[in-house]
N, C-alpha and C. Protein backbone atom coordinates (compact mmCIF):
# COMPACT_ATOMS: atom_id res chain seq x y z
N UNK A 1 -9.87 12.84 -10.55
CA UNK A 1 -10.89 13.46 -9.70
C UNK A 1 -10.85 14.92 -9.77
N UNK A 2 -11.80 15.52 -10.43
CA UNK A 2 -11.81 16.98 -10.54
C UNK A 2 -12.14 17.52 -9.13
N UNK A 3 -11.61 18.66 -8.77
CA UNK A 3 -11.78 19.26 -7.46
C UNK A 3 -13.21 19.81 -7.36
N UNK A 4 -13.96 19.20 -6.54
CA UNK A 4 -15.32 19.74 -6.28
C UNK A 4 -15.40 20.28 -4.95
N UNK A 5 -16.45 21.06 -4.69
CA UNK A 5 -16.61 21.55 -3.37
C UNK A 5 -16.69 20.63 -2.26
N UNK A 6 -17.23 19.42 -2.53
CA UNK A 6 -17.30 18.36 -1.61
C UNK A 6 -15.95 17.79 -1.25
N UNK A 7 -15.11 17.66 -2.31
CA UNK A 7 -13.77 17.02 -2.12
C UNK A 7 -12.74 17.87 -1.49
N UNK A 8 -12.83 19.32 -1.80
CA UNK A 8 -11.79 20.14 -1.27
C UNK A 8 -11.47 19.97 0.19
N UNK A 9 -12.49 19.76 1.02
CA UNK A 9 -12.23 19.66 2.49
C UNK A 9 -12.20 18.20 3.02
N UNK A 10 -12.44 17.22 2.03
CA UNK A 10 -12.48 15.85 2.48
C UNK A 10 -11.16 15.30 2.90
N UNK A 11 -11.25 14.57 4.01
CA UNK A 11 -9.99 13.95 4.54
C UNK A 11 -9.96 12.43 4.13
N UNK A 12 -8.82 11.91 4.34
CA UNK A 12 -8.62 10.53 4.01
C UNK A 12 -9.59 9.72 4.86
N UNK A 13 -9.73 10.05 6.14
CA UNK A 13 -10.72 9.36 7.02
C UNK A 13 -12.07 9.30 6.34
N UNK A 14 -12.53 10.43 5.73
CA UNK A 14 -13.87 10.42 5.07
C UNK A 14 -13.83 9.49 3.81
N UNK A 15 -12.73 9.48 3.09
CA UNK A 15 -12.55 8.69 1.94
C UNK A 15 -12.53 7.18 2.27
N UNK A 16 -11.76 6.82 3.42
CA UNK A 16 -11.74 5.49 3.81
C UNK A 16 -13.16 4.92 4.16
N UNK A 17 -13.86 5.75 4.79
CA UNK A 17 -15.32 5.31 5.17
C UNK A 17 -16.10 4.94 3.96
N UNK A 18 -15.84 5.62 2.82
CA UNK A 18 -16.58 5.39 1.59
C UNK A 18 -16.10 4.09 0.79
N UNK A 19 -14.89 3.67 1.12
CA UNK A 19 -14.36 2.53 0.28
C UNK A 19 -14.84 1.27 1.05
N UNK A 20 -14.80 0.20 0.22
CA UNK A 20 -15.22 -1.13 0.62
C UNK A 20 -14.29 -1.63 1.80
N UNK A 21 -14.87 -2.18 2.88
CA UNK A 21 -13.97 -2.69 3.91
C UNK A 21 -13.22 -3.89 3.46
N UNK A 22 -11.95 -3.97 3.83
CA UNK A 22 -11.22 -5.14 3.38
C UNK A 22 -10.09 -5.37 4.40
N UNK A 23 -9.55 -6.54 4.35
CA UNK A 23 -8.44 -6.90 5.17
C UNK A 23 -7.26 -6.19 4.81
N UNK A 24 -6.53 -5.57 5.76
CA UNK A 24 -5.31 -4.83 5.55
C UNK A 24 -4.21 -5.90 5.58
N UNK A 25 -3.31 -5.95 4.58
CA UNK A 25 -2.27 -6.88 4.49
C UNK A 25 -1.10 -6.60 5.44
N UNK A 26 -1.23 -6.95 6.68
CA UNK A 26 -0.17 -6.59 7.67
C UNK A 26 0.66 -7.83 7.94
N UNK A 27 1.90 -7.71 8.25
CA UNK A 27 2.83 -8.72 8.67
C UNK A 27 3.72 -8.17 9.69
N UNK A 28 4.07 -9.04 10.64
CA UNK A 28 4.99 -8.59 11.70
C UNK A 28 6.38 -8.63 11.08
N UNK A 29 7.17 -7.77 11.65
CA UNK A 29 8.54 -7.60 11.09
C UNK A 29 9.38 -8.88 11.21
N UNK A 30 8.98 -9.79 12.10
CA UNK A 30 9.64 -11.06 12.28
C UNK A 30 9.09 -12.25 11.45
N UNK A 31 8.06 -11.85 10.58
CA UNK A 31 7.43 -12.93 9.79
C UNK A 31 8.39 -13.55 8.80
N UNK A 32 8.29 -14.86 8.67
CA UNK A 32 9.13 -15.53 7.71
C UNK A 32 8.58 -15.57 6.32
N UNK A 33 9.33 -16.16 5.33
CA UNK A 33 8.99 -16.19 4.00
C UNK A 33 7.57 -16.76 3.76
N UNK A 34 7.24 -17.90 4.39
CA UNK A 34 6.00 -18.55 4.18
C UNK A 34 4.85 -17.69 4.67
N UNK A 35 5.02 -16.96 5.77
CA UNK A 35 4.03 -16.07 6.21
C UNK A 35 3.80 -14.92 5.24
N UNK A 36 4.91 -14.44 4.59
CA UNK A 36 4.83 -13.38 3.59
C UNK A 36 4.03 -13.84 2.38
N UNK A 37 4.40 -15.05 1.89
CA UNK A 37 3.64 -15.65 0.74
C UNK A 37 2.20 -15.77 1.05
N UNK A 38 1.84 -16.26 2.21
CA UNK A 38 0.44 -16.49 2.68
C UNK A 38 -0.25 -15.11 2.70
N UNK A 39 0.41 -14.06 3.20
CA UNK A 39 -0.19 -12.78 3.26
C UNK A 39 -0.55 -12.23 1.86
N UNK A 40 0.44 -12.31 0.99
CA UNK A 40 0.19 -11.89 -0.39
C UNK A 40 -0.93 -12.72 -1.11
N UNK A 41 -0.87 -13.99 -0.89
CA UNK A 41 -1.96 -14.89 -1.55
C UNK A 41 -3.35 -14.51 -0.98
N UNK A 42 -3.38 -14.18 0.35
CA UNK A 42 -4.63 -13.83 0.96
C UNK A 42 -5.13 -12.43 0.73
N UNK A 43 -4.31 -11.60 0.13
CA UNK A 43 -4.70 -10.22 -0.14
C UNK A 43 -5.14 -10.07 -1.59
N UNK A 44 -6.38 -9.87 -1.76
CA UNK A 44 -6.94 -9.81 -3.15
C UNK A 44 -6.63 -8.46 -3.76
N UNK A 45 -6.52 -7.43 -2.97
CA UNK A 45 -6.42 -6.05 -3.56
C UNK A 45 -5.04 -5.41 -3.56
N UNK A 46 -4.11 -5.95 -2.80
CA UNK A 46 -2.86 -5.30 -2.57
C UNK A 46 -1.68 -6.01 -3.19
N UNK A 47 -0.69 -5.27 -3.58
CA UNK A 47 0.55 -5.75 -4.06
C UNK A 47 1.66 -5.37 -3.09
N UNK A 48 1.28 -4.85 -1.92
CA UNK A 48 2.16 -4.44 -0.88
C UNK A 48 1.82 -5.17 0.37
N UNK A 49 2.74 -5.43 1.26
CA UNK A 49 2.56 -5.84 2.63
C UNK A 49 3.05 -4.74 3.50
N UNK A 50 2.30 -4.43 4.57
CA UNK A 50 2.72 -3.48 5.51
C UNK A 50 3.36 -4.12 6.68
N UNK A 51 4.66 -3.85 6.92
CA UNK A 51 5.40 -4.47 7.97
C UNK A 51 5.14 -3.64 9.21
N UNK A 52 4.69 -4.29 10.27
CA UNK A 52 4.40 -3.58 11.52
C UNK A 52 5.09 -4.20 12.78
N UNK A 53 5.13 -3.36 13.84
CA UNK A 53 5.67 -3.97 15.09
C UNK A 53 4.49 -4.55 15.82
N UNK A 54 4.65 -4.81 17.12
CA UNK A 54 3.58 -5.49 17.99
C UNK A 54 2.49 -4.53 18.23
N UNK A 55 2.73 -3.24 18.05
CA UNK A 55 1.64 -2.23 18.28
C UNK A 55 1.01 -1.90 17.01
N UNK A 56 1.25 -2.62 15.87
CA UNK A 56 0.70 -2.32 14.58
C UNK A 56 1.27 -0.98 13.95
N UNK A 57 2.41 -0.49 14.45
CA UNK A 57 2.95 0.72 13.87
C UNK A 57 3.78 0.33 12.62
N UNK A 58 3.63 1.17 11.62
CA UNK A 58 4.29 0.88 10.35
C UNK A 58 5.79 0.99 10.51
N UNK A 59 6.56 -0.07 10.11
CA UNK A 59 7.95 -0.05 10.09
C UNK A 59 8.53 -0.09 8.70
N UNK A 60 7.74 -0.56 7.70
CA UNK A 60 8.18 -0.62 6.34
C UNK A 60 7.08 -1.27 5.42
N UNK A 61 7.46 -1.46 4.15
CA UNK A 61 6.61 -2.15 3.29
C UNK A 61 7.37 -3.16 2.44
N UNK A 62 6.67 -4.12 1.98
CA UNK A 62 7.40 -5.17 1.11
C UNK A 62 6.52 -5.25 -0.18
N UNK A 63 7.16 -5.08 -1.25
CA UNK A 63 6.47 -5.12 -2.56
C UNK A 63 6.39 -6.60 -2.96
N UNK A 64 5.42 -6.95 -3.80
CA UNK A 64 5.35 -8.26 -4.36
C UNK A 64 6.50 -8.54 -5.19
N UNK A 65 6.93 -7.58 -5.93
CA UNK A 65 8.18 -7.78 -6.76
C UNK A 65 9.36 -8.17 -5.94
N UNK A 66 9.55 -7.54 -4.84
CA UNK A 66 10.67 -7.86 -3.95
C UNK A 66 10.54 -9.33 -3.42
N UNK A 67 9.48 -9.85 -3.10
CA UNK A 67 9.32 -11.19 -2.64
C UNK A 67 9.50 -12.22 -3.82
N UNK A 68 9.00 -11.73 -5.07
CA UNK A 68 9.13 -12.56 -6.20
C UNK A 68 10.61 -12.80 -6.51
N UNK A 69 11.43 -11.68 -6.33
CA UNK A 69 12.86 -11.84 -6.60
C UNK A 69 13.52 -12.85 -5.70
N UNK A 70 12.99 -12.92 -4.46
CA UNK A 70 13.54 -13.95 -3.47
C UNK A 70 13.06 -15.37 -3.81
N UNK A 71 11.73 -15.49 -3.97
CA UNK A 71 11.19 -16.86 -4.11
C UNK A 71 11.61 -17.49 -5.45
N UNK A 72 11.69 -16.66 -6.51
CA UNK A 72 12.07 -17.16 -7.82
C UNK A 72 13.57 -16.66 -8.15
N UNK A 73 14.42 -16.64 -7.23
CA UNK A 73 15.82 -16.20 -7.36
C UNK A 73 16.49 -16.86 -8.50
N UNK A 74 16.40 -18.16 -8.83
CA UNK A 74 17.19 -18.75 -9.90
C UNK A 74 16.73 -18.31 -11.24
N UNK A 75 15.53 -17.70 -11.46
CA UNK A 75 15.00 -17.40 -12.71
C UNK A 75 15.39 -15.89 -13.14
N UNK A 76 16.05 -15.14 -12.33
CA UNK A 76 16.41 -13.81 -12.69
C UNK A 76 17.48 -13.74 -13.79
N UNK A 77 17.30 -12.63 -14.56
CA UNK A 77 18.34 -12.34 -15.67
C UNK A 77 19.62 -12.11 -15.05
N UNK A 78 20.62 -12.44 -15.81
CA UNK A 78 22.05 -12.15 -15.32
C UNK A 78 22.35 -10.66 -15.26
N UNK A 79 21.59 -9.84 -15.98
CA UNK A 79 21.90 -8.49 -15.94
C UNK A 79 21.48 -7.73 -14.55
N UNK A 80 20.77 -8.45 -13.78
CA UNK A 80 20.34 -7.90 -12.48
C UNK A 80 21.59 -7.80 -11.58
N UNK A 81 21.69 -6.81 -10.78
CA UNK A 81 22.77 -6.59 -9.88
C UNK A 81 22.98 -7.73 -8.82
N UNK A 82 23.99 -8.49 -8.95
CA UNK A 82 24.26 -9.71 -8.14
C UNK A 82 24.24 -9.44 -6.66
N UNK A 83 24.86 -8.24 -6.28
CA UNK A 83 24.93 -7.88 -4.87
C UNK A 83 23.55 -7.73 -4.24
N UNK A 84 22.64 -7.17 -5.00
CA UNK A 84 21.32 -7.03 -4.50
C UNK A 84 20.65 -8.33 -4.46
N UNK A 85 20.79 -9.17 -5.41
CA UNK A 85 20.19 -10.53 -5.47
C UNK A 85 20.64 -11.39 -4.30
N UNK A 86 21.90 -11.34 -3.99
CA UNK A 86 22.52 -12.03 -2.87
C UNK A 86 21.84 -11.68 -1.60
N UNK A 87 21.69 -10.30 -1.30
CA UNK A 87 21.07 -9.88 -0.10
C UNK A 87 19.57 -10.40 -0.02
N UNK A 88 18.96 -10.35 -1.15
CA UNK A 88 17.54 -10.80 -1.22
C UNK A 88 17.45 -12.32 -0.97
N UNK A 89 18.40 -13.00 -1.53
CA UNK A 89 18.39 -14.47 -1.49
C UNK A 89 18.63 -14.97 -0.07
N UNK A 90 19.33 -14.30 0.78
CA UNK A 90 19.70 -14.76 2.17
C UNK A 90 18.72 -14.06 3.14
N UNK A 91 17.79 -13.26 2.71
CA UNK A 91 16.88 -12.61 3.60
C UNK A 91 15.89 -13.78 4.13
N UNK A 92 15.54 -13.55 5.48
CA UNK A 92 14.71 -14.61 6.04
C UNK A 92 13.48 -14.02 6.76
N UNK A 93 13.47 -12.73 7.08
CA UNK A 93 12.27 -12.22 7.73
C UNK A 93 11.80 -10.95 7.03
N UNK A 94 10.55 -10.52 7.34
CA UNK A 94 10.01 -9.31 6.76
C UNK A 94 11.05 -8.13 6.98
N UNK A 95 11.60 -8.11 8.11
CA UNK A 95 12.61 -6.96 8.43
C UNK A 95 13.66 -6.90 7.38
N UNK A 96 14.13 -8.07 6.90
CA UNK A 96 15.16 -8.13 5.90
C UNK A 96 14.73 -7.64 4.52
N UNK A 97 13.47 -7.86 4.26
CA UNK A 97 12.91 -7.49 2.85
C UNK A 97 12.42 -6.01 2.79
N UNK A 98 11.97 -5.51 3.92
CA UNK A 98 11.11 -4.29 3.89
C UNK A 98 11.91 -3.03 3.41
N UNK A 99 11.19 -2.24 2.79
CA UNK A 99 11.63 -0.90 2.41
C UNK A 99 11.26 -0.07 3.57
N UNK A 100 12.33 0.59 4.12
CA UNK A 100 12.15 1.45 5.31
C UNK A 100 11.72 2.86 4.85
N UNK A 101 11.04 3.56 5.70
CA UNK A 101 10.56 4.90 5.41
C UNK A 101 9.74 5.06 4.08
N UNK A 102 8.64 4.24 3.98
CA UNK A 102 7.79 4.28 2.82
C UNK A 102 6.85 5.53 2.88
N UNK A 103 6.31 5.79 1.81
CA UNK A 103 5.32 6.87 1.72
C UNK A 103 4.05 6.36 2.41
N UNK A 104 3.37 7.27 3.14
CA UNK A 104 2.12 6.84 3.83
C UNK A 104 1.25 8.07 3.86
N UNK A 105 -0.02 7.99 4.25
CA UNK A 105 -0.95 8.97 4.49
C UNK A 105 -1.51 8.89 5.88
N UNK A 106 -1.89 10.04 6.45
CA UNK A 106 -2.57 10.04 7.67
C UNK A 106 -4.06 10.23 7.54
N UNK A 107 -4.86 9.71 8.47
CA UNK A 107 -6.32 9.89 8.43
C UNK A 107 -6.74 11.38 8.22
N UNK A 108 -5.95 12.26 8.76
CA UNK A 108 -6.32 13.74 8.74
C UNK A 108 -5.78 14.34 7.44
N UNK A 109 -5.06 13.65 6.58
CA UNK A 109 -4.64 14.32 5.39
C UNK A 109 -5.79 14.52 4.38
N UNK A 110 -5.59 15.61 3.49
CA UNK A 110 -6.60 15.89 2.53
C UNK A 110 -6.57 14.98 1.37
N UNK A 111 -7.74 14.50 0.93
CA UNK A 111 -7.89 13.52 -0.16
C UNK A 111 -7.01 13.98 -1.45
N UNK A 112 -7.31 15.21 -1.87
CA UNK A 112 -6.66 15.73 -3.06
C UNK A 112 -5.09 15.69 -2.90
N UNK A 113 -4.61 16.09 -1.74
CA UNK A 113 -3.21 16.13 -1.54
C UNK A 113 -2.54 14.63 -1.58
N UNK A 114 -3.28 13.69 -1.02
CA UNK A 114 -2.78 12.27 -1.06
C UNK A 114 -2.76 11.76 -2.50
N UNK A 115 -3.90 12.07 -3.23
CA UNK A 115 -3.90 11.64 -4.66
C UNK A 115 -2.80 12.24 -5.43
N UNK A 116 -2.62 13.52 -5.31
CA UNK A 116 -1.53 14.26 -5.92
C UNK A 116 -0.10 13.60 -5.67
N UNK A 117 0.12 13.31 -4.39
CA UNK A 117 1.37 12.70 -3.97
C UNK A 117 1.51 11.29 -4.56
N UNK A 118 0.47 10.51 -4.57
CA UNK A 118 0.47 9.26 -5.23
C UNK A 118 0.86 9.30 -6.75
N UNK A 119 0.15 10.23 -7.40
CA UNK A 119 0.43 10.44 -8.82
C UNK A 119 2.01 10.86 -9.05
N UNK A 120 2.29 11.85 -8.24
CA UNK A 120 3.69 12.37 -8.38
C UNK A 120 4.81 11.31 -8.14
N UNK A 121 4.60 10.45 -7.23
CA UNK A 121 5.59 9.42 -6.85
C UNK A 121 5.29 8.07 -7.57
N UNK A 122 4.25 8.02 -8.39
CA UNK A 122 3.85 6.76 -9.04
C UNK A 122 3.57 5.66 -8.12
N UNK A 123 2.85 5.96 -7.07
CA UNK A 123 2.47 5.00 -6.06
C UNK A 123 1.05 4.52 -6.35
N UNK A 124 0.89 3.17 -6.41
CA UNK A 124 -0.37 2.54 -6.71
C UNK A 124 -1.23 2.32 -5.49
N UNK A 125 -0.56 2.20 -4.33
CA UNK A 125 -1.31 1.98 -3.10
C UNK A 125 -0.56 2.57 -1.99
N UNK A 126 -1.24 3.02 -0.86
CA UNK A 126 -0.57 3.66 0.18
C UNK A 126 -1.21 3.25 1.54
N UNK A 127 -0.36 3.02 2.57
CA UNK A 127 -0.96 2.65 3.89
C UNK A 127 -1.54 4.00 4.52
N UNK A 128 -2.53 3.86 5.29
CA UNK A 128 -3.18 4.93 6.00
C UNK A 128 -2.91 4.71 7.55
N UNK A 129 -2.33 5.75 8.12
CA UNK A 129 -1.96 5.65 9.50
C UNK A 129 -2.75 6.55 10.36
N UNK A 130 -2.93 6.11 11.63
CA UNK A 130 -3.52 6.96 12.63
C UNK A 130 -2.42 7.93 13.29
N UNK A 131 -2.77 8.70 14.23
CA UNK A 131 -1.77 9.66 14.77
C UNK A 131 -0.67 8.91 15.55
N UNK A 132 -0.86 7.68 15.83
CA UNK A 132 0.27 6.89 16.49
C UNK A 132 1.08 5.98 15.54
N UNK A 133 0.90 6.32 14.21
CA UNK A 133 1.59 5.49 13.14
C UNK A 133 1.18 4.12 13.04
N UNK A 134 -0.06 3.75 13.58
CA UNK A 134 -0.63 2.47 13.38
C UNK A 134 -1.35 2.40 12.02
N UNK A 135 -1.15 1.25 11.35
CA UNK A 135 -1.84 1.09 10.05
C UNK A 135 -3.33 0.80 10.31
N UNK A 136 -4.15 1.60 9.78
CA UNK A 136 -5.63 1.41 10.09
C UNK A 136 -6.38 1.16 8.77
N UNK A 137 -5.86 1.42 7.64
CA UNK A 137 -6.43 1.14 6.31
C UNK A 137 -5.38 1.25 5.18
N UNK A 138 -5.80 1.02 3.99
CA UNK A 138 -4.96 1.37 2.85
C UNK A 138 -5.81 1.93 1.69
N UNK A 139 -5.27 2.58 0.81
CA UNK A 139 -5.95 3.08 -0.39
C UNK A 139 -5.22 2.82 -1.54
N UNK A 140 -5.92 2.41 -2.67
CA UNK A 140 -5.20 2.13 -3.93
C UNK A 140 -5.72 3.13 -5.01
N UNK A 141 -5.01 3.21 -6.10
CA UNK A 141 -5.51 4.07 -7.17
C UNK A 141 -6.88 3.57 -7.65
N UNK A 142 -7.08 2.29 -7.61
CA UNK A 142 -8.33 1.77 -8.01
C UNK A 142 -9.48 2.27 -7.17
N UNK A 143 -9.30 2.58 -5.85
CA UNK A 143 -10.22 3.21 -5.03
C UNK A 143 -10.54 4.62 -5.56
N UNK A 144 -9.52 5.33 -5.94
CA UNK A 144 -9.76 6.64 -6.50
C UNK A 144 -10.53 6.59 -7.81
N UNK A 145 -10.16 5.62 -8.67
CA UNK A 145 -10.87 5.41 -9.92
C UNK A 145 -12.40 5.02 -9.65
N UNK A 146 -12.56 4.25 -8.74
CA UNK A 146 -13.98 3.81 -8.35
C UNK A 146 -14.78 5.03 -7.90
N UNK A 147 -14.16 5.86 -7.00
CA UNK A 147 -14.89 6.97 -6.57
C UNK A 147 -15.10 8.02 -7.72
N UNK A 148 -14.09 8.17 -8.57
CA UNK A 148 -14.26 9.03 -9.72
C UNK A 148 -15.51 8.61 -10.62
N UNK A 149 -15.49 7.32 -10.84
CA UNK A 149 -16.57 6.73 -11.67
C UNK A 149 -17.93 6.90 -10.97
N UNK A 150 -18.04 6.65 -9.72
CA UNK A 150 -19.30 6.85 -8.95
C UNK A 150 -19.69 8.32 -9.05
N UNK A 151 -18.82 9.31 -8.77
CA UNK A 151 -19.18 10.70 -8.95
C UNK A 151 -19.60 11.08 -10.28
N UNK A 152 -18.95 10.52 -11.38
CA UNK A 152 -19.30 10.82 -12.72
C UNK A 152 -20.71 10.41 -13.01
N UNK A 153 -21.02 9.11 -12.61
CA UNK A 153 -22.34 8.57 -12.83
C UNK A 153 -23.45 9.39 -12.06
N UNK A 154 -23.12 9.78 -10.89
CA UNK A 154 -24.00 10.53 -10.09
C UNK A 154 -24.21 11.92 -10.71
N UNK A 155 -23.17 12.53 -11.29
CA UNK A 155 -23.30 13.84 -11.94
C UNK A 155 -24.18 13.69 -13.21
N UNK A 156 -24.09 12.58 -13.92
CA UNK A 156 -24.87 12.36 -15.12
C UNK A 156 -26.35 12.20 -14.86
N UNK A 157 -26.64 11.56 -13.71
CA UNK A 157 -28.02 11.36 -13.36
C UNK A 157 -28.68 12.63 -12.71
N UNK A 158 -27.85 13.51 -12.26
CA UNK A 158 -28.30 14.71 -11.64
C UNK A 158 -28.59 15.79 -12.68
N UNK A 159 -28.06 15.65 -13.89
CA UNK A 159 -28.22 16.67 -14.93
C UNK A 159 -29.24 16.25 -15.94
């Protein structure tokens, strides 16, 4: 996304309004394995689950890879750290699986800053929080590519 006059001041809230509405992949921190599997299966766009408390405040994230390591535990290569695999194998709730202190963006953050952070940290999707740390949306790099392509096509028809 080249920096245009329109984008320089754009906030994540503005960007979220332009993206297609979709179900946010939320799970409660006490959710069990079957609930986590159902949440991933039901989420067409995300490879992350956002672990929340009863107020929908972000507590952590669970990657699809982390859940796969648990569900398909017997199929892992022997070169994988056994201590890590044991802790994954005995995990029972989302709280056990989640990565604490994940990257996130606020509705008030600048779009360009969030995109730069996602690229710098090699993040493919990021939860969007309100001022109370409640998950209200998520954005993927595909959303940025979609916007880039829309802007490009619009620029071509304008010239």
